[in-house]
C-alpha atoms as a PDB file:
ATOM      1  CA  MET A   1      64.806 -67.199  -0.901  1.00  0.00           C
ATOM      2  CA  MET A   2      65.276 -63.572   0.090  1.00  0.00           C
ATOM      3  CA  THR A   3      68.642 -62.582   1.512  1.00  0.00           C
ATOM      4  CA  ARG A   4      69.306 -60.339   4.499  1.00  0.00           C
ATOM      5  CA  GLU A   5      70.200 -57.581   2.064  1.00  0.00           C
ATOM      6  CA  ASP A   6      66.832 -58.004   0.316  1.00  0.00           C
ATOM      7  CA  TYR A   7      65.002 -57.508   3.601  1.00  0.00           C
ATOM      8  CA  ARG A   8      67.082 -54.457   4.422  1.00  0.00           C
ATOM      9  CA  GLU A   9      66.247 -52.884   1.081  1.00  0.00           C
ATOM     10  CA  ILE A  10      62.541 -53.478   1.699  1.00  0.00           C
ATOM     11  CA  LEU A  11      62.761 -51.930   5.157  1.00  0.00           C
ATOM     12  CA  LYS A  12      64.442 -48.847   3.673  1.00  0.00           C
ATOM     13  CA  ALA A  13      61.932 -48.441   0.879  1.00  0.00           C
ATOM     14  CA  ASN A  14      59.145 -45.895   1.148  1.00  0.00           C
ATOM     15  CA  THR A  15      57.204 -47.179  -1.817  1.00  0.00           C
ATOM     16  CA  LEU A  16      57.097 -50.336  -3.857  1.00  0.00           C
ATOM     17  CA  ARG A  17      58.353 -48.602  -7.002  1.00  0.00           C
ATOM     18  CA  GLU A  18      61.609 -47.607  -5.317  1.00  0.00           C
ATOM     19  CA  LEU A  19      62.422 -51.316  -5.448  1.00  0.00           C
ATOM     20  CA  TYR A  20      60.526 -52.957  -8.261  1.00  0.00           C
ATOM     21  CA  ASP A  21      59.386 -51.751 -11.621  1.00  0.00           C
ATOM     22  CA  VAL A  22      56.329 -53.987 -11.575  1.00  0.00           C
ATOM     23  CA  LYS A  23      52.592 -53.591 -11.497  1.00  0.00           C
ATOM     24  CA  THR A  24      50.682 -54.719  -8.441  1.00  0.00           C
ATOM     25  CA  ASP A  25      47.605 -56.895  -8.723  1.00  0.00           C
ATOM     26  CA  GLN A  26      45.599 -53.784  -7.924  1.00  0.00           C
ATOM     27  CA  ASP A  27      47.252 -52.049 -10.882  1.00  0.00           C
ATOM     28  CA  LYS A  28      46.331 -55.058 -13.030  1.00  0.00           C
ATOM     29  CA  GLU A  29      42.707 -54.651 -11.853  1.00  0.00           C
ATOM     30  CA  LEU A  30      42.636 -58.182 -10.469  1.00  0.00           C
ATOM     31  CA  PRO A  31      39.872 -58.942  -7.950  1.00  0.00           C
ATOM     32  CA  GLN A  32      40.476 -57.618  -4.489  1.00  0.00           C
ATOM     33  CA  PRO A  33      40.752 -60.232  -1.711  1.00  0.00           C
ATOM     34  CA  ASP A  34      37.947 -60.386   0.814  1.00  0.00           C
ATOM     35  CA  VAL A  35      38.328 -58.153   3.867  1.00  0.00           C
ATOM     36  CA  GLN A  36      37.276 -61.040   6.122  1.00  0.00           C
ATOM     37  CA  LYS A  37      37.329 -64.821   5.914  1.00  0.00           C
ATOM     38  CA  THR A  38      33.959 -66.277   5.109  1.00  0.00           C
ATOM     39  CA  CYS A  39      31.979 -68.569   7.372  1.00  0.00           C
ATOM     40  CA  HIS A  40      30.036 -71.707   6.584  1.00  0.00           C
ATOM     41  CA  GLU A  41      26.283 -71.740   7.041  1.00  0.00           C
ATOM     42  CA  SER A  42      26.679 -74.440   9.694  1.00  0.00           C
ATOM     43  CA  ASP A  43      29.143 -72.388  11.778  1.00  0.00           C
ATOM     44  CA  LEU A  44      28.089 -71.382  15.274  1.00  0.00           C
ATOM     45  CA  LEU A  45      28.116 -67.586  15.527  1.00  0.00           C
ATOM     46  CA  ILE A  46      28.167 -65.851  18.899  1.00  0.00           C
ATOM     47  CA  ASP A  47      27.009 -62.265  19.332  1.00  0.00           C
ATOM     48  CA  LEU A  48      29.461 -60.091  21.247  1.00  0.00           C
ATOM     49  CA  CYS A  49      28.498 -57.235  23.549  1.00  0.00           C
ATOM     50  CA  HIS A  50      27.513 -54.148  21.599  1.00  0.00           C
ATOM     51  CA  VAL A  51      29.904 -51.214  21.509  1.00  0.00           C
ATOM     52  CA  GLY A  52      27.337 -49.175  23.431  1.00  0.00           C
ATOM     53  CA  ASP A  53      27.781 -51.531  26.386  1.00  0.00           C
ATOM     54  CA  PHE A  54      31.399 -50.477  26.849  1.00  0.00           C
ATOM     55  CA  GLU A  55      30.485 -47.340  28.771  1.00  0.00           C
ATOM     56  CA  GLY A  56      31.663 -48.836  32.068  1.00  0.00           C
ATOM     57  CA  PHE A  57      35.280 -48.710  30.955  1.00  0.00           C
ATOM     58  CA  ASN A  58      36.164 -45.154  31.901  1.00  0.00           C
ATOM     59  CA  ALA A  59      39.822 -45.471  32.848  1.00  0.00           C
ATOM     60  CA  SER A  60      41.841 -42.299  32.417  1.00  0.00           C
ATOM     61  CA  PHE A  61      43.864 -42.463  29.211  1.00  0.00           C
ATOM     62  CA  LEU A  62      46.898 -41.073  31.019  1.00  0.00           C
ATOM     63  CA  ASP A  63      46.584 -43.699  33.767  1.00  0.00           C
ATOM     64  CA  THR A  64      46.163 -46.389  31.122  1.00  0.00           C
ATOM     65  CA  LEU A  65      49.396 -45.361  29.409  1.00  0.00           C
ATOM     66  CA  LYS A  66      51.247 -45.183  32.706  1.00  0.00           C
ATOM     67  CA  GLY A  67      49.987 -48.607  33.759  1.00  0.00           C
ATOM     68  CA  ARG A  68      50.706 -50.394  30.499  1.00  0.00           C
ATOM     69  CA  LYS A  69      53.302 -53.120  30.913  1.00  0.00           C
ATOM     70  CA  SER A  70      53.861 -56.765  30.059  1.00  0.00           C
ATOM     71  CA  SER A  71      52.321 -59.072  32.656  1.00  0.00           C
ATOM     72  CA  ARG A  72      53.151 -62.760  33.046  1.00  0.00           C
ATOM     73  CA  LYS A  73      51.275 -63.475  36.283  1.00  0.00           C
ATOM     74  CA  TYR A  74      47.501 -63.873  36.247  1.00  0.00           C
ATOM     75  CA  SER A  75      44.824 -64.616  38.818  1.00  0.00           C
ATOM     76  CA  ASP A  76      42.205 -67.349  38.465  1.00  0.00           C
ATOM     77  CA  GLU A  77      39.501 -64.726  37.868  1.00  0.00           C
ATOM     78  CA  GLN A  78      37.583 -65.058  34.622  1.00  0.00           C
ATOM     79  CA  ILE A  79      37.688 -62.503  31.845  1.00  0.00           C
ATOM     80  CA  SER A  80      34.095 -61.344  31.492  1.00  0.00           C
ATOM     81  CA  PHE A  81      32.312 -61.656  28.161  1.00  0.00           C
ATOM     82  CA  ASN A  82      31.907 -57.879  28.090  1.00  0.00           C
ATOM     83  CA  GLU A  83      35.635 -57.372  28.656  1.00  0.00           C
ATOM     84  CA  LEU A  84      36.525 -59.818  25.907  1.00  0.00           C
ATOM     85  CA  SER A  85      34.111 -58.066  23.544  1.00  0.00           C
ATOM     86  CA  PHE A  86      35.757 -54.751  24.356  1.00  0.00           C
ATOM     87  CA  MET A  87      39.273 -56.075  23.751  1.00  0.00           C
ATOM     88  CA  LEU A  88      38.319 -57.653  20.431  1.00  0.00           C
ATOM     89  CA  TRP A  89      36.654 -54.482  19.219  1.00  0.00           C
ATOM     90  CA  SER A  90      39.608 -52.385  20.424  1.00  0.00           C
ATOM     91  CA  THR A  91      42.045 -54.438  18.362  1.00  0.00           C
ATOM     92  CA  GLN A  92      40.141 -54.995  15.103  1.00  0.00           C
ATOM     93  CA  GLY A  93      36.692 -53.428  15.436  1.00  0.00           C
ATOM     94  CA  VAL A  94      35.157 -51.913  12.312  1.00  0.00           C
ATOM     95  CA  LYS A  95      34.088 -48.280  12.604  1.00  0.00           C
ATOM     96  CA  LYS A  96      33.065 -47.782   9.001  1.00  0.00           C
ATOM     97  CA  ILE A  97      32.830 -49.746   5.752  1.00  0.00           C
ATOM     98  CA  VAL A  98      33.996 -47.734   2.744  1.00  0.00           C
ATOM     99  CA  SER A  99      34.673 -48.103  -0.992  1.00  0.00           C
ATOM    100  CA  LYS A 100      31.429 -49.992  -1.585  1.00  0.00           C
ATOM    101  CA  GLY A 101      32.371 -52.649   0.943  1.00  0.00           C
ATOM    102  CA  TYR A 102      35.913 -53.189  -0.278  1.00  0.00           C
ATOM    103  CA  ALA A 103      37.687 -51.520   2.645  1.00  0.00           C
ATOM    104  CA  THR A 104      37.158 -50.946   6.351  1.00  0.00           C
ATOM    105  CA  LEU A 105      38.194 -48.251   8.768  1.00  0.00           C
ATOM    106  CA  ARG A 106      38.958 -49.863  12.102  1.00  0.00           C
ATOM    107  CA  THR A 107      40.109 -49.062  15.623  1.00  0.00           C
ATOM    108  CA  VAL A 108      43.711 -49.637  14.492  1.00  0.00           C
ATOM    109  CA  PRO A 109      45.539 -48.203  11.471  1.00  0.00           C
ATOM    110  CA  SER A 110      46.631 -50.401   8.585  1.00  0.00           C
ATOM    111  CA  ALA A 111      48.611 -49.611   5.460  1.00  0.00           C
ATOM    112  CA  GLY A 112      46.129 -48.778   2.715  1.00  0.00           C
ATOM    113  CA  ALA A 113      43.309 -50.009   4.988  1.00  0.00           C
ATOM    114  CA  ARG A 114      44.287 -53.541   3.956  1.00  0.00           C
ATOM    115  CA  HIS A 115      44.001 -55.105   7.466  1.00  0.00           C
ATOM    116  CA  PRO A 116      45.724 -58.415   6.705  1.00  0.00           C
ATOM    117  CA  PHE A 117      45.096 -60.048  10.095  1.00  0.00           C
ATOM    118  CA  GLU A 118      42.495 -62.507  11.290  1.00  0.00           C
ATOM    119  CA  THR A 119      42.100 -62.658  15.074  1.00  0.00           C
ATOM    120  CA  TYR A 120      41.783 -66.024  16.794  1.00  0.00           C
ATOM    121  CA  ILE A 121      41.360 -66.549  20.503  1.00  0.00           C
ATOM    122  CA  VAL A 122      42.250 -69.569  22.580  1.00  0.00           C
ATOM    123  CA  ALA A 123      39.626 -69.269  25.303  1.00  0.00           C
ATOM    124  CA  GLN A 124      40.575 -70.926  28.558  1.00  0.00           C
ATOM    125  CA  ASN A 125      38.796 -68.976  31.282  1.00  0.00           C
ATOM    126  CA  VAL A 126      36.257 -66.625  29.693  1.00  0.00           C
ATOM    127  CA  GLN A 127      32.792 -66.117  31.126  1.00  0.00           C
ATOM    128  CA  GLY A 128      30.140 -67.786  28.957  1.00  0.00           C
ATOM    129  CA  LEU A 129      32.578 -69.441  26.523  1.00  0.00           C
ATOM    130  CA  ASN A 130      33.489 -73.101  26.474  1.00  0.00           C
ATOM    131  CA  PRO A 131      37.249 -73.675  26.263  1.00  0.00           C
ATOM    132  CA  GLY A 132      38.235 -73.799  22.617  1.00  0.00           C
ATOM    133  CA  ILE A 133      39.273 -71.864  19.522  1.00  0.00           C
ATOM    134  CA  TYR A 134      37.216 -68.936  18.238  1.00  0.00           C
ATOM    135  CA  ARG A 135      37.689 -66.437  15.404  1.00  0.00           C
ATOM    136  CA  TYR A 136      36.617 -62.813  15.541  1.00  0.00           C
ATOM    137  CA  LEU A 137      34.376 -61.492  12.774  1.00  0.00           C
ATOM    138  CA  PRO A 138      35.010 -57.736  12.778  1.00  0.00           C
ATOM    139  CA  LEU A 139      32.359 -56.936  10.149  1.00  0.00           C
ATOM    140  CA  GLU A 140      29.595 -58.449  12.278  1.00  0.00           C
ATOM    141  CA  HIS A 141      31.300 -58.010  15.682  1.00  0.00           C
ATOM    142  CA  LYS A 142      30.739 -61.693  16.430  1.00  0.00           C
ATOM    143  CA  LEU A 143      32.734 -64.783  17.255  1.00  0.00           C
ATOM    144  CA  VAL A 144      32.665 -67.936  15.183  1.00  0.00           C
ATOM    145  CA  PHE A 145      33.334 -71.130  17.104  1.00  0.00           C
ATOM    146  CA  GLN A 146      36.180 -73.071  15.492  1.00  0.00           C
ATOM    147  CA  GLY A 147      35.995 -76.063  17.812  1.00  0.00           C
ATOM    148  CA  GLU A 148      36.911 -77.577  21.135  1.00  0.00           C
ATOM    149  CA  ILE A 149      40.472 -78.790  21.555  1.00  0.00           C
ATOM    150  CA  PRO A 150      41.107 -81.679  23.963  1.00  0.00           C
ATOM    151  CA  ASP A 151      43.827 -80.764  26.488  1.00  0.00           C
ATOM    152  CA  ILE A 152      43.875 -77.229  25.110  1.00  0.00           C
ATOM    153  CA  ASN A 153      46.161 -75.854  27.835  1.00  0.00           C
ATOM    154  CA  GLU A 154      48.752 -78.560  27.258  1.00  0.00           C
ATOM    155  CA  LYS A 155      48.691 -78.044  23.484  1.00  0.00           C
ATOM    156  CA  LEU A 156      48.993 -74.272  23.836  1.00  0.00           C
ATOM    157  CA  ASP A 157      51.890 -74.777  26.256  1.00  0.00           C
ATOM    158  CA  ASP A 158      53.602 -77.112  23.801  1.00  0.00           C
ATOM    159  CA  ALA A 159      53.081 -74.732  20.863  1.00  0.00           C
ATOM    160  CA  THR A 160      54.680 -71.857  22.798  1.00  0.00           C
ATOM    161  CA  PHE A 161      57.808 -73.675  23.984  1.00  0.00           C
ATOM    162  CA  ASN A 162      56.464 -74.266  27.500  1.00  0.00           C
ATOM    163  CA  GLN A 163      56.189 -70.622  28.480  1.00  0.00           C
ATOM    164  CA  LYS A 164      53.949 -71.532  31.414  1.00  0.00           C
ATOM    165  CA  PHE A 165      52.287 -68.140  31.827  1.00  0.00           C
ATOM    166  CA  ILE A 166      50.578 -68.440  28.423  1.00  0.00           C
ATOM    167  CA  ALA A 167      48.637 -71.605  29.224  1.00  0.00           C
ATOM    168  CA  ALA A 168      47.819 -70.107  32.640  1.00  0.00           C
ATOM    169  CA  SER A 169      46.143 -67.049  31.087  1.00  0.00           C
ATOM    170  CA  ALA A 170      42.389 -66.609  30.684  1.00  0.00           C
ATOM    171  CA  VAL A 171      42.566 -66.096  26.929  1.00  0.00           C
ATOM    172  CA  THR A 172      45.275 -65.943  24.285  1.00  0.00           C
ATOM    173  CA  PHE A 173      44.907 -63.711  21.246  1.00  0.00           C
ATOM    174  CA  VAL A 174      46.518 -65.151  18.104  1.00  0.00           C
ATOM    175  CA  TRP A 175      46.907 -62.970  15.006  1.00  0.00           C
ATOM    176  CA  ALA A 176      47.265 -64.777  11.694  1.00  0.00           C
ATOM    177  CA  ALA A 177      48.232 -62.861   8.569  1.00  0.00           C
ATOM    178  CA  MET A 178      46.611 -63.364   5.188  1.00  0.00           C
ATOM    179  CA  PRO A 179      49.450 -61.683   3.288  1.00  0.00           C
ATOM    180  CA  TYR A 180      47.731 -61.409  -0.088  1.00  0.00           C
ATOM    181  CA  ARG A 181      45.404 -58.741   1.284  1.00  0.00           C
ATOM    182  CA  THR A 182      48.420 -56.448   1.565  1.00  0.00           C
ATOM    183  CA  GLU A 183      50.372 -57.885  -1.366  1.00  0.00           C
ATOM    184  CA  TRP A 184      47.439 -57.137  -3.694  1.00  0.00           C
ATOM    185  CA  ARG A 185      48.231 -53.444  -3.312  1.00  0.00           C
ATOM    186  CA  TYR A 186      51.893 -53.355  -2.229  1.00  0.00           C
ATOM    187  CA  GLU A 187      53.531 -56.508  -3.631  1.00  0.00           C
ATOM    188  CA  HIS A 188      56.974 -57.133  -2.092  1.00  0.00           C
ATOM    189  CA  ALA A 189      56.729 -54.180   0.284  1.00  0.00           C
ATOM    190  CA  ALA A 190      53.889 -56.005   2.061  1.00  0.00           C
ATOM    191  CA  ILE A 191      56.303 -57.791   4.388  1.00  0.00           C
ATOM    192  CA  LYS A 192      57.254 -54.478   5.982  1.00  0.00           C
ATOM    193  CA  LEU A 193      53.688 -53.230   6.231  1.00  0.00           C
ATOM    194  CA  ILE A 194      52.286 -56.425   7.745  1.00  0.00           C
ATOM    195  CA  ALA A 195      54.920 -56.322  10.481  1.00  0.00           C
ATOM    196  CA  ILE A 196      54.016 -52.713  11.271  1.00  0.00           C
ATOM    197  CA  ASP A 197      50.299 -53.563  11.377  1.00  0.00           C
ATOM    198  CA  ALA A 198      50.926 -56.324  13.920  1.00  0.00           C
ATOM    199  CA  GLY A 199      52.419 -53.779  16.296  1.00  0.00           C
ATOM    200  CA  HIS A 200      49.386 -51.497  15.995  1.00  0.00           C
ATOM    201  CA  ILE A 201      47.029 -54.328  16.923  1.00  0.00           C
ATOM    202  CA  CYS A 202      48.964 -55.618  19.908  1.00  0.00           C
ATOM    203  CA  GLN A 203      49.470 -52.159  21.409  1.00  0.00           C
ATOM    204  CA  ASN A 204      45.719 -51.581  21.323  1.00  0.00           C
ATOM    205  CA  LEU A 205      45.246 -54.862  23.183  1.00  0.00           C
ATOM    206  CA  TYR A 206      47.661 -53.699  25.875  1.00  0.00           C
ATOM    207  CA  LEU A 207      45.729 -50.453  26.328  1.00  0.00           C
ATOM    208  CA  ALA A 208      42.286 -52.062  26.252  1.00  0.00           C
ATOM    209  CA  ALA A 209      43.326 -54.734  28.747  1.00  0.00           C
ATOM    210  CA  GLU A 210      44.792 -52.149  31.097  1.00  0.00           C
ATOM    211  CA  ALA A 211      41.479 -50.292  30.994  1.00  0.00           C
ATOM    212  CA  VAL A 212      39.623 -53.374  32.302  1.00  0.00           C
ATOM    213  CA  GLY A 213      42.170 -54.425  34.899  1.00  0.00           C
ATOM    214  CA  ALA A 214      43.752 -57.200  32.857  1.00  0.00           C
ATOM    215  CA  GLY A 215      47.370 -57.848  31.965  1.00  0.00           C
ATOM    216  CA  VAL A 216      48.923 -58.735  28.622  1.00  0.00           C
ATOM    217  CA  CYS A 217      52.183 -60.236  27.458  1.00  0.00           C
ATOM    218  CA  ALA A 218      53.041 -60.124  23.752  1.00  0.00           C
ATOM    219  CA  VAL A 219      54.671 -63.312  22.483  1.00  0.00           C
ATOM    220  CA  ALA A 220      56.728 -63.818  19.335  1.00  0.00           C
ATOM    221  CA  SER A 221      58.348 -67.100  20.381  1.00  0.00           C
ATOM    222  CA  TYR A 222      56.275 -70.092  19.297  1.00  0.00           C
ATOM    223  CA  ASP A 223      56.430 -73.219  17.147  1.00  0.00           C
ATOM    224  CA  GLN A 224      55.087 -72.077  13.774  1.00  0.00           C
ATOM    225  CA  ASP A 225      53.658 -75.403  12.636  1.00  0.00           C
ATOM    226  CA  LYS A 226      52.078 -76.267  15.989  1.00  0.00           C
ATOM    227  CA  MET A 227      50.497 -72.859  16.453  1.00  0.00           C
ATOM    228  CA  ASP A 228      49.125 -72.830  12.902  1.00  0.00           C
ATOM    229  CA  GLU A 229      47.676 -76.295  13.475  1.00  0.00           C
ATOM    230  CA  LEU A 230      46.160 -75.283  16.810  1.00  0.00           C
ATOM    231  CA  ILE A 231      44.145 -72.413  15.313  1.00  0.00           C
ATOM    232  CA  GLY A 232      43.405 -74.323  12.100  1.00  0.00           C
ATOM    233  CA  VAL A 233      45.225 -72.334   9.405  1.00  0.00           C
ATOM    234  CA  ASP A 234      47.145 -73.718   6.443  1.00  0.00           C
ATOM    235  CA  GLY A 235      50.515 -72.066   7.169  1.00  0.00           C
ATOM    236  CA  LYS A 236      50.803 -70.853   3.572  1.00  0.00           C
ATOM    237  CA  ASP A 237      48.034 -68.438   2.620  1.00  0.00           C
ATOM    238  CA  GLU A 238      47.400 -67.749   6.300  1.00  0.00           C
ATOM    239  CA  PHE A 239      49.817 -68.176   9.177  1.00  0.00           C
ATOM    240  CA  THR A 240      50.428 -67.086  12.760  1.00  0.00           C
ATOM    241  CA  VAL A 241      52.539 -63.945  13.134  1.00  0.00           C
ATOM    242  CA  TYR A 242      52.006 -62.789  16.716  1.00  0.00           C
ATOM    243  CA  LEU A 243      50.145 -63.698  19.879  1.00  0.00           C
ATOM    244  CA  ALA A 244      49.454 -62.329  23.335  1.00  0.00           C
ATOM    245  CA  SER A 245      48.285 -63.852  26.599  1.00  0.00           C
ATOM    246  CA  VAL A 246      45.647 -62.021  28.642  1.00  0.00           C
ATOM    247  CA  GLY A 247      44.543 -62.530  32.220  1.00  0.00           C
ATOM    248  CA  LYS A 248      43.232 -60.700  35.232  1.00  0.00           C
ATOM    249  CA  GLN A 249      45.891 -59.117  37.419  1.00  0.00           C
ATOM    250  CA  PRO A 250      46.537 -60.714  40.831  1.00  0.00           C
ATOM    251  CA  VAL A 251      45.403 -58.671  43.829  1.00  0.00           C
ATOM    252  CA  LYS A 252      48.360 -56.741  45.198  1.00  0.00           C
END
């Protein structure tokens, strides 16, 4: 197990080789991990609104920055399908596929373009979506339906230590890391880079939500095992790192 001093050394390091005289799996020319989890042929895929349909979101960037804040009170108004599409694209959307399909340039930065996160949503009050768990496919800009969860609000509430505002939101974004994507290139330094990447993603969600009149609250307090089980990840090769509730702002 790594000690506190080990973590501090990693946080201070600028490159892997300042810490470890080892070769990465990239150096060893081992196969690169996939940039996106695969789907099964039987999976239900849902087309999201095309990027060209986002033209209605013309909020001033300055006003968006000024308005950005954490919001824990939401109205009963649904998040529209167009708004959800916009927020998903804003947080992980692919702008360009490079290196013969082995890397992606997205709407958020990532160390070495590794993009270790998969985005799951717990949909509770989204126009056109049945309550349940969905995963975003950034390469196709689609959702894959993971399944309905009986008593989804209660289970989300339980997995987040009864922070009532989360289960009362319209949708909860859950980001699960697949650490090997970053470790393949950066080995032990990946822990630092994955944490930085999580911040990039969540900040983009804050800005995108503000642009459509929605509020966000980032959440780092949750039961690891229960949250991993809720979104259907193994907790080893993929596990929850961060989440954020999203809902329409109450009328003032």
